[in-house]
Amino acid sequence: MWLARIDHLYFVADGVSLGEQPVHAHGHEWALFNNIADWRREQ
């Protein structure tokens, strides 16, 4: 049996912090947005 894990790749604009991101499961979910309250625009 072969097991594979697909890495997620996100492009983020300079000056934007998405905070600490956990390992995201692969599937139909919104894991990127679980910590949206921690997102910051850096000056």
PDB file of N, CA and C in Angstrom:
ATOM      1  N   MET A   1       0.849  -1.163   0.000  1.00  0.00           N
ATOM      2  CA  MET A   1       0.000   0.000   0.000  1.00  0.00           C
ATOM      3  C   MET A   1       0.898   1.229   0.000  1.00  0.00           C
ATOM      4  N   TRP A   2       0.597   2.177  -0.865  1.00  0.00           N
ATOM      5  CA  TRP A   2       1.330   3.435  -0.936  1.00  0.00           C
ATOM      6  C   TRP A   2       0.541   4.519  -0.210  1.00  0.00           C
ATOM      7  N   LEU A   3       1.239   5.256   0.595  1.00  0.00           N
ATOM      8  CA  LEU A   3       0.625   6.391   1.262  1.00  0.00           C
ATOM      9  C   LEU A   3       1.328   7.650   0.780  1.00  0.00           C
ATOM     10  N   ALA A   4       0.574   8.652   0.527  1.00  0.00           N
ATOM     11  CA  ALA A   4       1.164   9.904   0.049  1.00  0.00           C
ATOM     12  C   ALA A   4       0.553  11.067   0.811  1.00  0.00           C
ATOM     13  N   ARG A   5       1.364  12.071   0.983  1.00  0.00           N
ATOM     14  CA  ARG A   5       0.867  13.290   1.614  1.00  0.00           C
ATOM     15  C   ARG A   5       1.167  14.434   0.656  1.00  0.00           C
ATOM     16  N   ILE A   6       0.155  15.153   0.298  1.00  0.00           N
ATOM     17  CA  ILE A   6       0.314  16.265  -0.615  1.00  0.00           C
ATOM     18  C   ILE A   6       0.525  17.529   0.206  1.00  0.00           C
ATOM     19  N   ASP A   7       1.632  18.224  -0.040  1.00  0.00           N
ATOM     20  CA  ASP A   7       1.891  19.480   0.655  1.00  0.00           C
ATOM     21  C   ASP A   7       1.034  20.574   0.050  1.00  0.00           C
ATOM     22  N   HIS A   8       0.565  21.440   0.912  1.00  0.00           N
ATOM     23  CA  HIS A   8      -0.205  22.587   0.446  1.00  0.00           C
ATOM     24  C   HIS A   8       0.742  23.750   0.247  1.00  0.00           C
ATOM     25  N   LEU A   9       0.482  24.545  -0.737  1.00  0.00           N
ATOM     26  CA  LEU A   9       1.304  25.698  -1.048  1.00  0.00           C
ATOM     27  C   LEU A   9       0.406  26.912  -1.138  1.00  0.00           C
ATOM     28  N   TYR A  10       0.745  27.940  -0.370  1.00  0.00           N
ATOM     29  CA  TYR A  10      -0.037  29.162  -0.376  1.00  0.00           C
ATOM     30  C   TYR A  10       0.875  30.319  -0.748  1.00  0.00           C
ATOM     31  N   PHE A  11       0.376  31.218  -1.536  1.00  0.00           N
ATOM     32  CA  PHE A  11       1.088  32.442  -1.866  1.00  0.00           C
ATOM     33  C   PHE A  11       0.463  33.563  -1.043  1.00  0.00           C
ATOM     34  N   VAL A  12       1.308  34.301  -0.346  1.00  0.00           N
ATOM     35  CA  VAL A  12       0.835  35.368   0.521  1.00  0.00           C
ATOM     36  C   VAL A  12       1.581  36.640   0.145  1.00  0.00           C
ATOM     37  N   ALA A  13       0.868  37.737   0.074  1.00  0.00           N
ATOM     38  CA  ALA A  13       1.475  39.024  -0.276  1.00  0.00           C
ATOM     39  C   ALA A  13       2.488  39.442   0.780  1.00  0.00           C
ATOM     40  N   ASP A  14       3.523  40.156   0.346  1.00  0.00           N
ATOM     41  CA  ASP A  14       4.481  40.719   1.290  1.00  0.00           C
ATOM     42  C   ASP A  14       3.743  41.605   2.281  1.00  0.00           C
ATOM     43  N   GLY A  15       4.133  41.523   3.548  1.00  0.00           N
ATOM     44  CA  GLY A  15       3.507  42.343   4.568  1.00  0.00           C
ATOM     45  C   GLY A  15       2.278  41.725   5.204  1.00  0.00           C
ATOM     46  N   VAL A  16       1.961  40.488   4.848  1.00  0.00           N
ATOM     47  CA  VAL A  16       0.812  39.796   5.436  1.00  0.00           C
ATOM     48  C   VAL A  16       1.324  38.585   6.205  1.00  0.00           C
ATOM     49  N   SER A  17       0.862  38.429   7.439  1.00  0.00           N
ATOM     50  CA  SER A  17       1.230  37.288   8.260  1.00  0.00           C
ATOM     51  C   SER A  17      -0.003  36.438   8.521  1.00  0.00           C
ATOM     52  N   LEU A  18       0.100  35.151   8.245  1.00  0.00           N
ATOM     53  CA  LEU A  18      -1.019  34.239   8.491  1.00  0.00           C
ATOM     54  C   LEU A  18      -0.894  33.536   9.835  1.00  0.00           C
ATOM     55  N   GLY A  19       0.037  33.989  10.662  1.00  0.00           N
ATOM     56  CA  GLY A  19       0.203  33.394  11.984  1.00  0.00           C
ATOM     57  C   GLY A  19       0.788  31.992  11.886  1.00  0.00           C
ATOM     58  N   GLU A  20       0.777  31.305  12.995  1.00  0.00           N
ATOM     59  CA  GLU A  20       1.287  29.935  13.055  1.00  0.00           C
ATOM     60  C   GLU A  20       0.280  28.997  12.402  1.00  0.00           C
ATOM     61  N   GLN A  21       0.708  28.273  11.388  1.00  0.00           N
ATOM     62  CA  GLN A  21      -0.177  27.356  10.679  1.00  0.00           C
ATOM     63  C   GLN A  21       0.103  25.922  11.110  1.00  0.00           C
ATOM     64  N   PRO A  22      -0.938  25.177  11.476  1.00  0.00           N
ATOM     65  CA  PRO A  22      -0.760  23.765  11.800  1.00  0.00           C
ATOM     66  C   PRO A  22      -0.614  22.950  10.511  1.00  0.00           C
ATOM     67  N   VAL A  23      -0.315  21.684  10.648  1.00  0.00           N
ATOM     68  CA  VAL A  23      -0.308  20.789   9.492  1.00  0.00           C
ATOM     69  C   VAL A  23      -1.742  20.657   9.017  1.00  0.00           C
ATOM     70  N   HIS A  24      -1.967  20.874   7.738  1.00  0.00           N
ATOM     71  CA  HIS A  24      -3.310  20.814   7.180  1.00  0.00           C
ATOM     72  C   HIS A  24      -3.562  19.442   6.581  1.00  0.00           C
ATOM     73  N   ALA A  25      -4.697  18.884   6.922  1.00  0.00           N
ATOM     74  CA  ALA A  25      -5.110  17.608   6.326  1.00  0.00           C
ATOM     75  C   ALA A  25      -5.527  17.866   4.884  1.00  0.00           C
ATOM     76  N   HIS A  26      -5.405  16.868   4.056  1.00  0.00           N
ATOM     77  CA  HIS A  26      -5.815  17.031   2.670  1.00  0.00           C
ATOM     78  C   HIS A  26      -7.279  16.630   2.557  1.00  0.00           C
ATOM     79  N   GLY A  27      -8.050  17.465   1.954  1.00  0.00           N
ATOM     80  CA  GLY A  27      -9.469  17.167   1.813  1.00  0.00           C
ATOM     81  C   GLY A  27     -10.254  18.436   1.584  1.00  0.00           C
ATOM     82  N   HIS A  28     -11.515  18.331   1.724  1.00  0.00           N
ATOM     83  CA  HIS A  28     -12.413  19.464   1.497  1.00  0.00           C
ATOM     84  C   HIS A  28     -12.712  20.136   2.819  1.00  0.00           C
ATOM     85  N   GLU A  29     -11.808  20.985   3.208  1.00  0.00           N
ATOM     86  CA  GLU A  29     -11.985  21.687   4.465  1.00  0.00           C
ATOM     87  C   GLU A  29     -11.400  23.079   4.323  1.00  0.00           C
ATOM     88  N   TRP A  30     -11.568  23.887   5.334  1.00  0.00           N
ATOM     89  CA  TRP A  30     -11.118  25.279   5.317  1.00  0.00           C
ATOM     90  C   TRP A  30     -10.025  25.478   6.353  1.00  0.00           C
ATOM     91  N   ALA A  31      -9.081  24.543   6.461  1.00  0.00           N
ATOM     92  CA  ALA A  31      -8.051  24.579   7.499  1.00  0.00           C
ATOM     93  C   ALA A  31      -7.252  25.877   7.493  1.00  0.00           C
ATOM     94  N   LEU A  32      -7.013  26.462   6.330  1.00  0.00           N
ATOM     95  CA  LEU A  32      -6.259  27.711   6.258  1.00  0.00           C
ATOM     96  C   LEU A  32      -6.930  28.812   7.057  1.00  0.00           C
ATOM     97  N   PHE A  33      -8.246  28.779   7.150  1.00  0.00           N
ATOM     98  CA  PHE A  33      -9.003  29.841   7.802  1.00  0.00           C
ATOM     99  C   PHE A  33      -9.288  29.582   9.284  1.00  0.00           C
ATOM    100  N   ASN A  34      -8.783  28.477   9.833  1.00  0.00           N
ATOM    101  CA  ASN A  34      -9.045  28.162  11.244  1.00  0.00           C
ATOM    102  C   ASN A  34      -8.468  29.198  12.193  1.00  0.00           C
ATOM    103  N   ASN A  35      -7.425  29.899  11.779  1.00  0.00           N
ATOM    104  CA  ASN A  35      -6.809  30.894  12.656  1.00  0.00           C
ATOM    105  C   ASN A  35      -6.920  32.299  12.058  1.00  0.00           C
ATOM    106  N   ILE A  36      -7.974  32.582  11.348  1.00  0.00           N
ATOM    107  CA  ILE A  36      -8.120  33.864  10.648  1.00  0.00           C
ATOM    108  C   ILE A  36      -8.045  35.056  11.611  1.00  0.00           C
ATOM    109  N   ALA A  37      -8.394  34.859  12.870  1.00  0.00           N
ATOM    110  CA  ALA A  37      -8.306  35.935  13.856  1.00  0.00           C
ATOM    111  C   ALA A  37      -6.846  36.326  14.141  1.00  0.00           C
ATOM    112  N   ASP A  38      -5.897  35.443  13.809  1.00  0.00           N
ATOM    113  CA  ASP A  38      -4.468  35.718  14.040  1.00  0.00           C
ATOM    114  C   ASP A  38      -3.797  36.383  12.836  1.00  0.00           C
ATOM    115  N   TRP A  39      -4.464  36.499  11.730  1.00  0.00           N
ATOM    116  CA  TRP A  39      -3.863  37.106  10.547  1.00  0.00           C
ATOM    117  C   TRP A  39      -3.594  38.577  10.817  1.00  0.00           C
ATOM    118  N   ARG A  40      -2.475  39.057  10.321  1.00  0.00           N
ATOM    119  CA  ARG A  40      -2.090  40.446  10.546  1.00  0.00           C
ATOM    120  C   ARG A  40      -1.484  41.042   9.277  1.00  0.00           C
ATOM    121  N   ARG A  41      -1.718  42.315   9.117  1.00  0.00           N
ATOM    122  CA  ARG A  41      -1.055  43.087   8.068  1.00  0.00           C
ATOM    123  C   ARG A  41       0.100  43.812   8.730  1.00  0.00           C
ATOM    124  N   GLU A  42       1.323  43.508   8.307  1.00  0.00           N
ATOM    125  CA  GLU A  42       2.512  44.098   8.907  1.00  0.00           C
ATOM    126  C   GLU A  42       2.890  45.365   8.161  1.00  0.00           C
ATOM    127  N   GLN A  43       3.260  46.376   8.892  1.00  0.00           N
ATOM    128  CA  GLN A  43       3.613  47.667   8.284  1.00  0.00           C
ATOM    129  C   GLN A  43       5.094  47.739   8.032  1.00  0.00           C
TER     130      GLN A  43
END
